[in-house]
């Protein structure tokens, strides 16, 4: 039983041990979100060519699905893959911030 429990808890432990996102990188990711993503999702993130990215619009959405959408894009739509440009932990940070409503237009 112990090895199974260890395997199940390993991802949680690794995520908790991850270093926090440096403030400078947080600022750059926020800028990227507001400027680059905002070009399609609206400068206020309330929607445009792409859907709204407000906490209310993302409420109840699966974080992993949002992660995959950002990383891989959406073929056949204007949503490009950001995986070649962002690290996985950066994409996860963006998803978390969006779902918390922590990023607002300036």
PDB file of N, CA and C in Angstrom:
ATOM      1  N   UNK A   1       0.829  -1.195   0.000  1.00  0.00           N
ATOM      2  CA  UNK A   1       0.000   0.000   0.000  1.00  0.00           C
ATOM      3  C   UNK A   1       0.873   1.259   0.000  1.00  0.00           C
ATOM      4  N   UNK A   2       1.949   1.245   0.757  1.00  0.00           N
ATOM      5  CA  UNK A   2       2.811   2.433   0.852  1.00  0.00           C
ATOM      6  C   UNK A   2       3.345   2.894  -0.501  1.00  0.00           C
ATOM      7  N   UNK A   3       3.865   2.004  -1.368  1.00  0.00           N
ATOM      8  CA  UNK A   3       4.363   2.464  -2.667  1.00  0.00           C
ATOM      9  C   UNK A   3       3.273   3.114  -3.518  1.00  0.00           C
ATOM     10  N   UNK A   4       2.055   2.601  -3.453  1.00  0.00           N
ATOM     11  CA  UNK A   4       0.955   3.195  -4.225  1.00  0.00           C
ATOM     12  C   UNK A   4       0.655   4.596  -3.703  1.00  0.00           C
ATOM     13  N   UNK A   5       0.609   4.754  -2.393  1.00  0.00           N
ATOM     14  CA  UNK A   5       0.359   6.062  -1.799  1.00  0.00           C
ATOM     15  C   UNK A   5       1.458   7.045  -2.178  1.00  0.00           C
ATOM     16  N   UNK A   6       2.685   6.588  -2.177  1.00  0.00           N
ATOM     17  CA  UNK A   6       3.813   7.436  -2.559  1.00  0.00           C
ATOM     18  C   UNK A   6       3.676   7.899  -4.000  1.00  0.00           C
ATOM     19  N   UNK A   7       3.304   6.997  -4.878  1.00  0.00           N
ATOM     20  CA  UNK A   7       3.134   7.344  -6.296  1.00  0.00           C
ATOM     21  C   UNK A   7       2.001   8.354  -6.458  1.00  0.00           C
ATOM     22  N   UNK A   8       0.931   8.184  -5.706  1.00  0.00           N
ATOM     23  CA  UNK A   8      -0.206   9.100  -5.806  1.00  0.00           C
ATOM     24  C   UNK A   8       0.118  10.485  -5.265  1.00  0.00           C
ATOM     25  N   UNK A   9       0.954  10.549  -4.239  1.00  0.00           N
ATOM     26  CA  UNK A   9       1.269  11.833  -3.615  1.00  0.00           C
ATOM     27  C   UNK A   9       2.475  12.532  -4.230  1.00  0.00           C
ATOM     28  N   UNK A  10       3.251  11.857  -5.041  1.00  0.00           N
ATOM     29  CA  UNK A  10       4.454  12.443  -5.621  1.00  0.00           C
ATOM     30  C   UNK A  10       4.172  13.717  -6.418  1.00  0.00           C
ATOM     31  N   UNK A  11       3.176  13.743  -7.308  1.00  0.00           N
ATOM     32  CA  UNK A  11       2.926  14.988  -8.042  1.00  0.00           C
ATOM     33  C   UNK A  11       2.586  16.165  -7.124  1.00  0.00           C
ATOM     34  N   UNK A  12       1.853  15.906  -6.056  1.00  0.00           N
ATOM     35  CA  UNK A  12       1.506  16.959  -5.105  1.00  0.00           C
ATOM     36  C   UNK A  12       2.765  17.471  -4.413  1.00  0.00           C
ATOM     37  N   UNK A  13       3.624  16.573  -4.010  1.00  0.00           N
ATOM     38  CA  UNK A  13       4.865  16.952  -3.337  1.00  0.00           C
ATOM     39  C   UNK A  13       5.773  17.740  -4.267  1.00  0.00           C
ATOM     40  N   UNK A  14       5.880  17.306  -5.509  1.00  0.00           N
ATOM     41  CA  UNK A  14       6.729  18.018  -6.461  1.00  0.00           C
ATOM     42  C   UNK A  14       6.207  19.424  -6.738  1.00  0.00           C
ATOM     43  N   UNK A  15       4.901  19.567  -6.854  1.00  0.00           N
ATOM     44  CA  UNK A  15       4.322  20.884  -7.102  1.00  0.00           C
ATOM     45  C   UNK A  15       4.568  21.797  -5.898  1.00  0.00           C
ATOM     46  N   UNK A  16       4.423  21.278  -4.690  1.00  0.00           N
ATOM     47  CA  UNK A  16       4.646  22.077  -3.494  1.00  0.00           C
ATOM     48  C   UNK A  16       6.101  22.486  -3.368  1.00  0.00           C
ATOM     49  N   UNK A  17       7.012  21.647  -3.862  1.00  0.00           N
ATOM     50  CA  UNK A  17       8.434  21.943  -3.755  1.00  0.00           C
ATOM     51  C   UNK A  17       8.923  22.902  -4.839  1.00  0.00           C
ATOM     52  N   UNK A  18       8.100  23.153  -5.836  1.00  0.00           N
ATOM     53  CA  UNK A  18       8.509  24.034  -6.931  1.00  0.00           C
ATOM     54  C   UNK A  18       8.748  25.449  -6.404  1.00  0.00           C
ATOM     55  N   UNK A  19       9.779  26.067  -6.935  1.00  0.00           N
ATOM     56  CA  UNK A  19      10.096  27.432  -6.522  1.00  0.00           C
ATOM     57  C   UNK A  19       8.989  28.375  -6.983  1.00  0.00           C
ATOM     58  N   UNK A  20       8.694  29.402  -6.174  1.00  0.00           N
ATOM     59  CA  UNK A  20       7.678  30.361  -6.591  1.00  0.00           C
ATOM     60  C   UNK A  20       8.136  31.120  -7.836  1.00  0.00           C
ATOM     61  N   UNK A  21       7.179  31.572  -8.599  1.00  0.00           N
ATOM     62  CA  UNK A  21       7.479  32.326  -9.815  1.00  0.00           C
ATOM     63  C   UNK A  21       8.123  33.657  -9.410  1.00  0.00           C
ATOM     64  N   UNK A  22       9.320  33.966  -9.936  1.00  0.00           N
ATOM     65  CA  UNK A  22       9.961  35.248  -9.607  1.00  0.00           C
ATOM     66  C   UNK A  22       9.067  36.423 -10.006  1.00  0.00           C
ATOM     67  N   UNK A  23       9.088  37.482  -9.196  1.00  0.00           N
ATOM     68  CA  UNK A  23       8.218  38.642  -9.430  1.00  0.00           C
ATOM     69  C   UNK A  23       8.417  39.248 -10.812  1.00  0.00           C
ATOM     70  N   UNK A  24       9.654  39.317 -11.261  1.00  0.00           N
ATOM     71  CA  UNK A  24       9.915  39.876 -12.586  1.00  0.00           C
ATOM     72  C   UNK A  24       9.264  39.056 -13.678  1.00  0.00           C
ATOM     73  N   UNK A  25       9.298  37.745 -13.523  1.00  0.00           N
ATOM     74  CA  UNK A  25       8.670  36.877 -14.523  1.00  0.00           C
ATOM     75  C   UNK A  25       7.157  36.979 -14.425  1.00  0.00           C
ATOM     76  N   UNK A  26       6.632  37.112 -13.212  1.00  0.00           N
ATOM     77  CA  UNK A  26       5.196  37.304 -13.043  1.00  0.00           C
ATOM     78  C   UNK A  26       4.741  38.563 -13.788  1.00  0.00           C
ATOM     79  N   UNK A  27       5.519  39.632 -13.657  1.00  0.00           N
ATOM     80  CA  UNK A  27       5.176  40.889 -14.335  1.00  0.00           C
ATOM     81  C   UNK A  27       5.199  40.698 -15.845  1.00  0.00           C
ATOM     82  N   UNK A  28       6.193  39.988 -16.348  1.00  0.00           N
ATOM     83  CA  UNK A  28       6.297  39.769 -17.797  1.00  0.00           C
ATOM     84  C   UNK A  28       5.154  38.889 -18.301  1.00  0.00           C
ATOM     85  N   UNK A  29       4.786  37.857 -17.548  1.00  0.00           N
ATOM     86  CA  UNK A  29       3.676  36.992 -17.934  1.00  0.00           C
ATOM     87  C   UNK A  29       2.349  37.752 -17.895  1.00  0.00           C
ATOM     88  N   UNK A  30       2.192  38.611 -16.917  1.00  0.00           N
ATOM     89  CA  UNK A  30       0.985  39.441 -16.839  1.00  0.00           C
ATOM     90  C   UNK A  30       0.903  40.363 -18.043  1.00  0.00           C
ATOM     91  N   UNK A  31       2.022  40.967 -18.402  1.00  0.00           N
ATOM     92  CA  UNK A  31       2.076  41.835 -19.584  1.00  0.00           C
ATOM     93  C   UNK A  31       1.746  41.042 -20.854  1.00  0.00           C
ATOM     94  N   UNK A  32       2.311  39.863 -20.979  1.00  0.00           N
ATOM     95  CA  UNK A  32       2.030  38.999 -22.123  1.00  0.00           C
ATOM     96  C   UNK A  32       0.537  38.697 -22.207  1.00  0.00           C
ATOM     97  N   UNK A  33      -0.048  38.364 -21.078  1.00  0.00           N
ATOM     98  CA  UNK A  33      -1.469  38.033 -21.046  1.00  0.00           C
ATOM     99  C   UNK A  33      -2.324  39.222 -21.474  1.00  0.00           C
ATOM    100  N   UNK A  34      -2.035  40.370 -20.908  1.00  0.00           N
ATOM    101  CA  UNK A  34      -2.849  41.545 -21.216  1.00  0.00           C
ATOM    102  C   UNK A  34      -2.647  42.051 -22.637  1.00  0.00           C
ATOM    103  N   UNK A  35      -1.435  41.983 -23.128  1.00  0.00           N
ATOM    104  CA  UNK A  35      -1.148  42.508 -24.468  1.00  0.00           C
ATOM    105  C   UNK A  35      -1.378  41.470 -25.563  1.00  0.00           C
ATOM    106  N   UNK A  36      -0.691  40.358 -25.498  1.00  0.00           N
ATOM    107  CA  UNK A  36      -0.773  39.361 -26.571  1.00  0.00           C
ATOM    108  C   UNK A  36      -2.102  38.605 -26.541  1.00  0.00           C
ATOM    109  N   UNK A  37      -2.452  38.075 -25.388  1.00  0.00           N
ATOM    110  CA  UNK A  37      -3.720  37.349 -25.287  1.00  0.00           C
ATOM    111  C   UNK A  37      -4.891  38.329 -25.419  1.00  0.00           C
ATOM    112  N   UNK A  38      -4.701  39.525 -24.854  1.00  0.00           N
ATOM    113  CA  UNK A  38      -5.735  40.552 -24.919  1.00  0.00           C
ATOM    114  C   UNK A  38      -6.059  40.998 -26.328  1.00  0.00           C
ATOM    115  N   UNK A  39      -5.127  40.793 -27.264  1.00  0.00           N
ATOM    116  CA  UNK A  39      -5.390  41.167 -28.649  1.00  0.00           C
ATOM    117  C   UNK A  39      -6.600  40.400 -29.196  1.00  0.00           C
ATOM    118  N   UNK A  40      -6.802  39.182 -28.741  1.00  0.00           N
ATOM    119  CA  UNK A  40      -7.956  38.387 -29.191  1.00  0.00           C
ATOM    120  C   UNK A  40      -9.041  38.264 -28.118  1.00  0.00           C
ATOM    121  N   UNK A  41      -8.633  38.184 -26.874  1.00  0.00           N
ATOM    122  CA  UNK A  41      -9.584  37.973 -25.781  1.00  0.00           C
ATOM    123  C   UNK A  41     -10.073  39.289 -25.186  1.00  0.00           C
ATOM    124  N   UNK A  42      -9.688  40.401 -25.774  1.00  0.00           N
ATOM    125  CA  UNK A  42     -10.094  41.711 -25.291  1.00  0.00           C
ATOM    126  C   UNK A  42      -9.087  42.259 -24.303  1.00  0.00           C
ATOM    127  N   UNK A  43      -8.789  43.529 -24.442  1.00  0.00           N
ATOM    128  CA  UNK A  43      -7.791  44.161 -23.549  1.00  0.00           C
ATOM    129  C   UNK A  43      -8.211  44.109 -22.082  1.00  0.00           C
ATOM    130  N   UNK A  44      -9.501  43.971 -21.831  1.00  0.00           N
ATOM    131  CA  UNK A  44      -9.985  43.855 -20.450  1.00  0.00           C
ATOM    132  C   UNK A  44     -10.249  42.390 -20.097  1.00  0.00           C
ATOM    133  N   UNK A  45      -9.918  41.484 -21.020  1.00  0.00           N
ATOM    134  CA  UNK A  45     -10.094  40.039 -20.866  1.00  0.00           C
ATOM    135  C   UNK A  45     -11.563  39.631 -20.807  1.00  0.00           C
ATOM    136  N   UNK A  46     -12.450  40.528 -21.256  1.00  0.00           N
ATOM    137  CA  UNK A  46     -13.888  40.238 -21.225  1.00  0.00           C
ATOM    138  C   UNK A  46     -14.400  39.650 -22.531  1.00  0.00           C
ATOM    139  N   UNK A  47     -13.483  39.290 -23.421  1.00  0.00           N
ATOM    140  CA  UNK A  47     -13.867  38.649 -24.666  1.00  0.00           C
ATOM    141  C   UNK A  47     -13.695  39.556 -25.864  1.00  0.00           C
ATOM    142  N   UNK A  48     -13.586  38.962 -26.989  1.00  0.00           N
ATOM    143  CA  UNK A  48     -13.402  39.643 -28.266  1.00  0.00           C
ATOM    144  C   UNK A  48     -13.502  38.570 -29.324  1.00  0.00           C
ATOM    145  N   UNK A  49     -12.469  38.424 -30.135  1.00  0.00           N
ATOM    146  CA  UNK A  49     -12.422  37.312 -31.086  1.00  0.00           C
ATOM    147  C   UNK A  49     -12.439  35.985 -30.312  1.00  0.00           C
ATOM    148  N   UNK A  50     -11.707  35.957 -29.210  1.00  0.00           N
ATOM    149  CA  UNK A  50     -11.687  34.786 -28.327  1.00  0.00           C
ATOM    150  C   UNK A  50     -12.609  35.011 -27.141  1.00  0.00           C
ATOM    151  N   UNK A  51     -12.921  33.950 -26.396  1.00  0.00           N
ATOM    152  CA  UNK A  51     -13.822  34.083 -25.250  1.00  0.00           C
ATOM    153  C   UNK A  51     -13.210  34.883 -24.100  1.00  0.00           C
ATOM    154  N   UNK A  52     -14.059  35.296 -23.180  1.00  0.00           N
ATOM    155  CA  UNK A  52     -13.628  36.030 -21.988  1.00  0.00           C
ATOM    156  C   UNK A  52     -12.697  35.157 -21.143  1.00  0.00           C
ATOM    157  N   UNK A  53     -11.738  35.819 -20.499  1.00  0.00           N
ATOM    158  CA  UNK A  53     -10.798  35.131 -19.608  1.00  0.00           C
ATOM    159  C   UNK A  53     -10.930  35.631 -18.173  1.00  0.00           C
ATOM    160  N   UNK A  54     -12.094  36.118 -17.818  1.00  0.00           N
ATOM    161  CA  UNK A  54     -12.328  36.592 -16.456  1.00  0.00           C
ATOM    162  C   UNK A  54     -12.540  35.385 -15.537  1.00  0.00           C
ATOM    163  N   UNK A  55     -12.369  35.609 -14.236  1.00  0.00           N
ATOM    164  CA  UNK A  55     -12.579  34.534 -13.265  1.00  0.00           C
ATOM    165  C   UNK A  55     -14.002  33.993 -13.382  1.00  0.00           C
ATOM    166  N   UNK A  56     -14.945  34.874 -13.583  1.00  0.00           N
ATOM    167  CA  UNK A  56     -16.346  34.446 -13.703  1.00  0.00           C
ATOM    168  C   UNK A  56     -16.532  33.545 -14.932  1.00  0.00           C
ATOM    169  N   UNK A  57     -15.936  33.924 -16.058  1.00  0.00           N
ATOM    170  CA  UNK A  57     -16.060  33.135 -17.284  1.00  0.00           C
ATOM    171  C   UNK A  57     -15.365  31.778 -17.154  1.00  0.00           C
ATOM    172  N   UNK A  58     -14.323  31.722 -16.334  1.00  0.00           N
ATOM    173  CA  UNK A  58     -13.550  30.478 -16.183  1.00  0.00           C
ATOM    174  C   UNK A  58     -13.992  29.642 -14.985  1.00  0.00           C
ATOM    175  N   UNK A  59     -14.979  30.148 -14.251  1.00  0.00           N
ATOM    176  CA  UNK A  59     -15.469  29.455 -13.064  1.00  0.00           C
ATOM    177  C   UNK A  59     -15.938  28.045 -13.431  1.00  0.00           C
ATOM    178  N   UNK A  60     -15.456  27.067 -12.684  1.00  0.00           N
ATOM    179  CA  UNK A  60     -15.840  25.687 -12.900  1.00  0.00           C
ATOM    180  C   UNK A  60     -15.118  24.988 -14.042  1.00  0.00           C
ATOM    181  N   UNK A  61     -14.283  25.723 -14.755  1.00  0.00           N
ATOM    182  CA  UNK A  61     -13.532  25.112 -15.862  1.00  0.00           C
ATOM    183  C   UNK A  61     -12.367  24.309 -15.299  1.00  0.00           C
ATOM    184  N   UNK A  62     -12.084  23.199 -15.916  1.00  0.00           N
ATOM    185  CA  UNK A  62     -11.001  22.318 -15.494  1.00  0.00           C
ATOM    186  C   UNK A  62      -9.652  22.985 -15.780  1.00  0.00           C
ATOM    187  N   UNK A  63      -8.819  23.211 -14.743  1.00  0.00           N
ATOM    188  CA  UNK A  63      -7.518  23.848 -14.960  1.00  0.00           C
ATOM    189  C   UNK A  63      -6.637  23.105 -15.958  1.00  0.00           C
ATOM    190  N   UNK A  64      -6.730  21.792 -15.978  1.00  0.00           N
ATOM    191  CA  UNK A  64      -5.895  21.022 -16.904  1.00  0.00           C
ATOM    192  C   UNK A  64      -6.322  21.273 -18.352  1.00  0.00           C
ATOM    193  N   UNK A  65      -7.603  21.397 -18.596  1.00  0.00           N
ATOM    194  CA  UNK A  65      -8.095  21.696 -19.938  1.00  0.00           C
ATOM    195  C   UNK A  65      -7.630  23.081 -20.370  1.00  0.00           C
ATOM    196  N   UNK A  66      -7.682  24.045 -19.453  1.00  0.00           N
ATOM    197  CA  UNK A  66      -7.200  25.392 -19.765  1.00  0.00           C
ATOM    198  C   UNK A  66      -5.701  25.364 -20.062  1.00  0.00           C
ATOM    199  N   UNK A  67      -4.954  24.614 -19.255  1.00  0.00           N
ATOM    200  CA  UNK A  67      -3.516  24.453 -19.477  1.00  0.00           C
ATOM    201  C   UNK A  67      -3.244  23.908 -20.877  1.00  0.00           C
ATOM    202  N   UNK A  68      -3.939  22.839 -21.244  1.00  0.00           N
ATOM    203  CA  UNK A  68      -3.727  22.212 -22.550  1.00  0.00           C
ATOM    204  C   UNK A  68      -4.111  23.151 -23.696  1.00  0.00           C
ATOM    205  N   UNK A  69      -5.154  23.939 -23.499  1.00  0.00           N
ATOM    206  CA  UNK A  69      -5.565  24.897 -24.527  1.00  0.00           C
ATOM    207  C   UNK A  69      -4.474  25.929 -24.754  1.00  0.00           C
ATOM    208  N   UNK A  70      -3.903  26.434 -23.678  1.00  0.00           N
ATOM    209  CA  UNK A  70      -2.831  27.425 -23.818  1.00  0.00           C
ATOM    210  C   UNK A  70      -1.586  26.767 -24.418  1.00  0.00           C
ATOM    211  N   UNK A  71      -1.225  25.629 -23.893  1.00  0.00           N
ATOM    212  CA  UNK A  71      -0.003  24.967 -24.372  1.00  0.00           C
ATOM    213  C   UNK A  71      -0.095  24.538 -25.839  1.00  0.00           C
ATOM    214  N   UNK A  72      -1.209  23.919 -26.196  1.00  0.00           N
ATOM    215  CA  UNK A  72      -1.331  23.315 -27.521  1.00  0.00           C
ATOM    216  C   UNK A  72      -2.135  24.130 -28.525  1.00  0.00           C
ATOM    217  N   UNK A  73      -2.790  25.201 -28.061  1.00  0.00           N
ATOM    218  CA  UNK A  73      -3.648  25.972 -28.947  1.00  0.00           C
ATOM    219  C   UNK A  73      -4.912  25.202 -29.261  1.00  0.00           C
ATOM    220  N   UNK A  74      -5.682  25.756 -30.201  1.00  0.00           N
ATOM    221  CA  UNK A  74      -6.912  25.092 -30.642  1.00  0.00           C
ATOM    222  C   UNK A  74      -6.897  25.035 -32.159  1.00  0.00           C
ATOM    223  N   UNK A  75      -6.520  23.901 -32.719  1.00  0.00           N
ATOM    224  CA  UNK A  75      -6.470  23.782 -34.178  1.00  0.00           C
ATOM    225  C   UNK A  75      -7.790  24.209 -34.829  1.00  0.00           C
ATOM    226  N   UNK A  76      -7.676  24.894 -35.941  1.00  0.00           N
ATOM    227  CA  UNK A  76      -8.856  25.353 -36.660  1.00  0.00           C
ATOM    228  C   UNK A  76      -9.420  26.653 -36.136  1.00  0.00           C
ATOM    229  N   UNK A  77      -8.738  27.240 -35.125  1.00  0.00           N
ATOM    230  CA  UNK A  77      -9.172  28.529 -34.578  1.00  0.00           C
ATOM    231  C   UNK A  77      -7.967  29.476 -34.591  1.00  0.00           C
ATOM    232  N   UNK A  78      -8.192  30.683 -34.128  1.00  0.00           N
ATOM    233  CA  UNK A  78      -7.105  31.663 -34.053  1.00  0.00           C
ATOM    234  C   UNK A  78      -6.219  31.458 -32.823  1.00  0.00           C
ATOM    235  N   UNK A  79      -6.554  30.493 -31.956  1.00  0.00           N
ATOM    236  CA  UNK A  79      -5.781  30.255 -30.727  1.00  0.00           C
ATOM    237  C   UNK A  79      -4.511  29.488 -31.051  1.00  0.00           C
ATOM    238  N   UNK A  80      -3.345  30.179 -30.962  1.00  0.00           N
ATOM    239  CA  UNK A  80      -2.076  29.512 -31.264  1.00  0.00           C
ATOM    240  C   UNK A  80      -1.559  28.722 -30.061  1.00  0.00           C
ATOM    241  N   UNK A  81      -0.655  27.790 -30.290  1.00  0.00           N
ATOM    242  CA  UNK A  81      -0.022  27.092 -29.170  1.00  0.00           C
ATOM    243  C   UNK A  81       1.053  27.984 -28.541  1.00  0.00           C
ATOM    244  N   UNK A  82       1.008  28.114 -27.226  1.00  0.00           N
ATOM    245  CA  UNK A  82       2.016  28.908 -26.505  1.00  0.00           C
ATOM    246  C   UNK A  82       3.083  28.029 -25.884  1.00  0.00           C
ATOM    247  N   UNK A  83       2.925  26.713 -26.003  1.00  0.00           N
ATOM    248  CA  UNK A  83       3.900  25.775 -25.450  1.00  0.00           C
ATOM    249  C   UNK A  83       5.325  25.999 -25.910  1.00  0.00           C
ATOM    250  N   UNK A  84       5.555  26.372 -27.176  1.00  0.00           N
ATOM    251  CA  UNK A  84       6.928  26.605 -27.607  1.00  0.00           C
ATOM    252  C   UNK A  84       7.578  27.832 -26.957  1.00  0.00           C
ATOM    253  N   UNK A  85       6.768  28.703 -26.372  1.00  0.00           N
ATOM    254  CA  UNK A  85       7.288  29.964 -25.849  1.00  0.00           C
ATOM    255  C   UNK A  85       7.256  30.067 -24.326  1.00  0.00           C
ATOM    256  N   UNK A  86       6.431  29.233 -23.692  1.00  0.00           N
ATOM    257  CA  UNK A  86       6.267  29.295 -22.244  1.00  0.00           C
ATOM    258  C   UNK A  86       6.562  27.946 -21.618  1.00  0.00           C
ATOM    259  N   UNK A  87       7.144  27.976 -20.421  1.00  0.00           N
ATOM    260  CA  UNK A  87       7.379  26.755 -19.658  1.00  0.00           C
ATOM    261  C   UNK A  87       6.043  26.278 -19.084  1.00  0.00           C
ATOM    262  N   UNK A  88       5.964  24.985 -18.801  1.00  0.00           N
ATOM    263  CA  UNK A  88       4.725  24.440 -18.249  1.00  0.00           C
ATOM    264  C   UNK A  88       4.322  25.138 -16.961  1.00  0.00           C
ATOM    265  N   UNK A  89       5.293  25.410 -16.082  1.00  0.00           N
ATOM    266  CA  UNK A  89       4.943  26.062 -14.812  1.00  0.00           C
ATOM    267  C   UNK A  89       4.447  27.492 -15.040  1.00  0.00           C
ATOM    268  N   UNK A  90       4.899  28.132 -16.098  1.00  0.00           N
ATOM    269  CA  UNK A  90       4.416  29.474 -16.417  1.00  0.00           C
ATOM    270  C   UNK A  90       2.962  29.420 -16.903  1.00  0.00           C
ATOM    271  N   UNK A  91       2.651  28.426 -17.708  1.00  0.00           N
ATOM    272  CA  UNK A  91       1.269  28.272 -18.178  1.00  0.00           C
ATOM    273  C   UNK A  91       0.359  27.956 -16.998  1.00  0.00           C
ATOM    274  N   UNK A  92       0.807  27.079 -16.117  1.00  0.00           N
ATOM    275  CA  UNK A  92      -0.006  26.737 -14.934  1.00  0.00           C
ATOM    276  C   UNK A  92      -0.203  27.968 -14.055  1.00  0.00           C
ATOM    277  N   UNK A  93       0.827  28.801 -13.924  1.00  0.00           N
ATOM    278  CA  UNK A  93       0.709  30.030 -13.139  1.00  0.00           C
ATOM    279  C   UNK A  93      -0.342  30.949 -13.771  1.00  0.00           C
ATOM    280  N   UNK A  94      -0.311  31.093 -15.092  1.00  0.00           N
ATOM    281  CA  UNK A  94      -1.293  31.929 -15.783  1.00  0.00           C
ATOM    282  C   UNK A  94      -2.714  31.408 -15.561  1.00  0.00           C
ATOM    283  N   UNK A  95      -2.901  30.106 -15.677  1.00  0.00           N
ATOM    284  CA  UNK A  95      -4.228  29.521 -15.461  1.00  0.00           C
ATOM    285  C   UNK A  95      -4.705  29.821 -14.046  1.00  0.00           C
ATOM    286  N   UNK A  96      -3.823  29.625 -13.077  1.00  0.00           N
ATOM    287  CA  UNK A  96      -4.186  29.881 -11.675  1.00  0.00           C
ATOM    288  C   UNK A  96      -4.567  31.347 -11.470  1.00  0.00           C
ATOM    289  N   UNK A  97      -3.773  32.246 -12.007  1.00  0.00           N
ATOM    290  CA  UNK A  97      -4.048  33.677 -11.849  1.00  0.00           C
ATOM    291  C   UNK A  97      -5.372  34.060 -12.506  1.00  0.00           C
ATOM    292  N   UNK A  98      -5.627  33.533 -13.695  1.00  0.00           N
ATOM    293  CA  UNK A  98      -6.878  33.828 -14.389  1.00  0.00           C
ATOM    294  C   UNK A  98      -8.071  33.302 -13.606  1.00  0.00           C
ATOM    295  N   UNK A  99      -7.986  32.080 -13.119  1.00  0.00           N
ATOM    296  CA  UNK A  99      -9.111  31.503 -12.394  1.00  0.00           C
ATOM    297  C   UNK A  99      -9.343  32.199 -11.052  1.00  0.00           C
ATOM    298  N   UNK A 100      -8.308  32.759 -10.478  1.00  0.00           N
ATOM    299  CA  UNK A 100      -8.443  33.510  -9.224  1.00  0.00           C
ATOM    300  C   UNK A 100      -8.904  34.940  -9.464  1.00  0.00           C
ATOM    301  N   UNK A 101      -8.831  35.388 -10.712  1.00  0.00           N
ATOM    302  CA  UNK A 101      -9.185  36.772 -11.020  1.00  0.00           C
ATOM    303  C   UNK A 101      -8.106  37.732 -10.564  1.00  0.00           C
ATOM    304  N   UNK A 102      -6.870  37.250 -10.511  1.00  0.00           N
ATOM    305  CA  UNK A 102      -5.764  38.046  -9.981  1.00  0.00           C
ATOM    306  C   UNK A 102      -5.133  38.969 -11.023  1.00  0.00           C
ATOM    307  N   UNK A 103      -5.484  38.808 -12.296  1.00  0.00           N
ATOM    308  CA  UNK A 103      -4.906  39.649 -13.343  1.00  0.00           C
ATOM    309  C   UNK A 103      -6.016  40.541 -13.889  1.00  0.00           C
ATOM    310  N   UNK A 104      -5.753  41.833 -13.851  1.00  0.00           N
ATOM    311  CA  UNK A 104      -6.748  42.808 -14.312  1.00  0.00           C
ATOM    312  C   UNK A 104      -6.102  43.739 -15.319  1.00  0.00           C
ATOM    313  N   UNK A 105      -6.913  44.247 -16.231  1.00  0.00           N
ATOM    314  CA  UNK A 105      -6.428  45.237 -17.202  1.00  0.00           C
ATOM    315  C   UNK A 105      -5.998  46.485 -16.453  1.00  0.00           C
ATOM    316  N   UNK A 106      -4.949  47.104 -16.989  1.00  0.00           N
ATOM    317  CA  UNK A 106      -4.440  48.331 -16.358  1.00  0.00           C
ATOM    318  C   UNK A 106      -5.156  49.535 -16.884  1.00  0.00           C
TER     319      UNK A 106
END
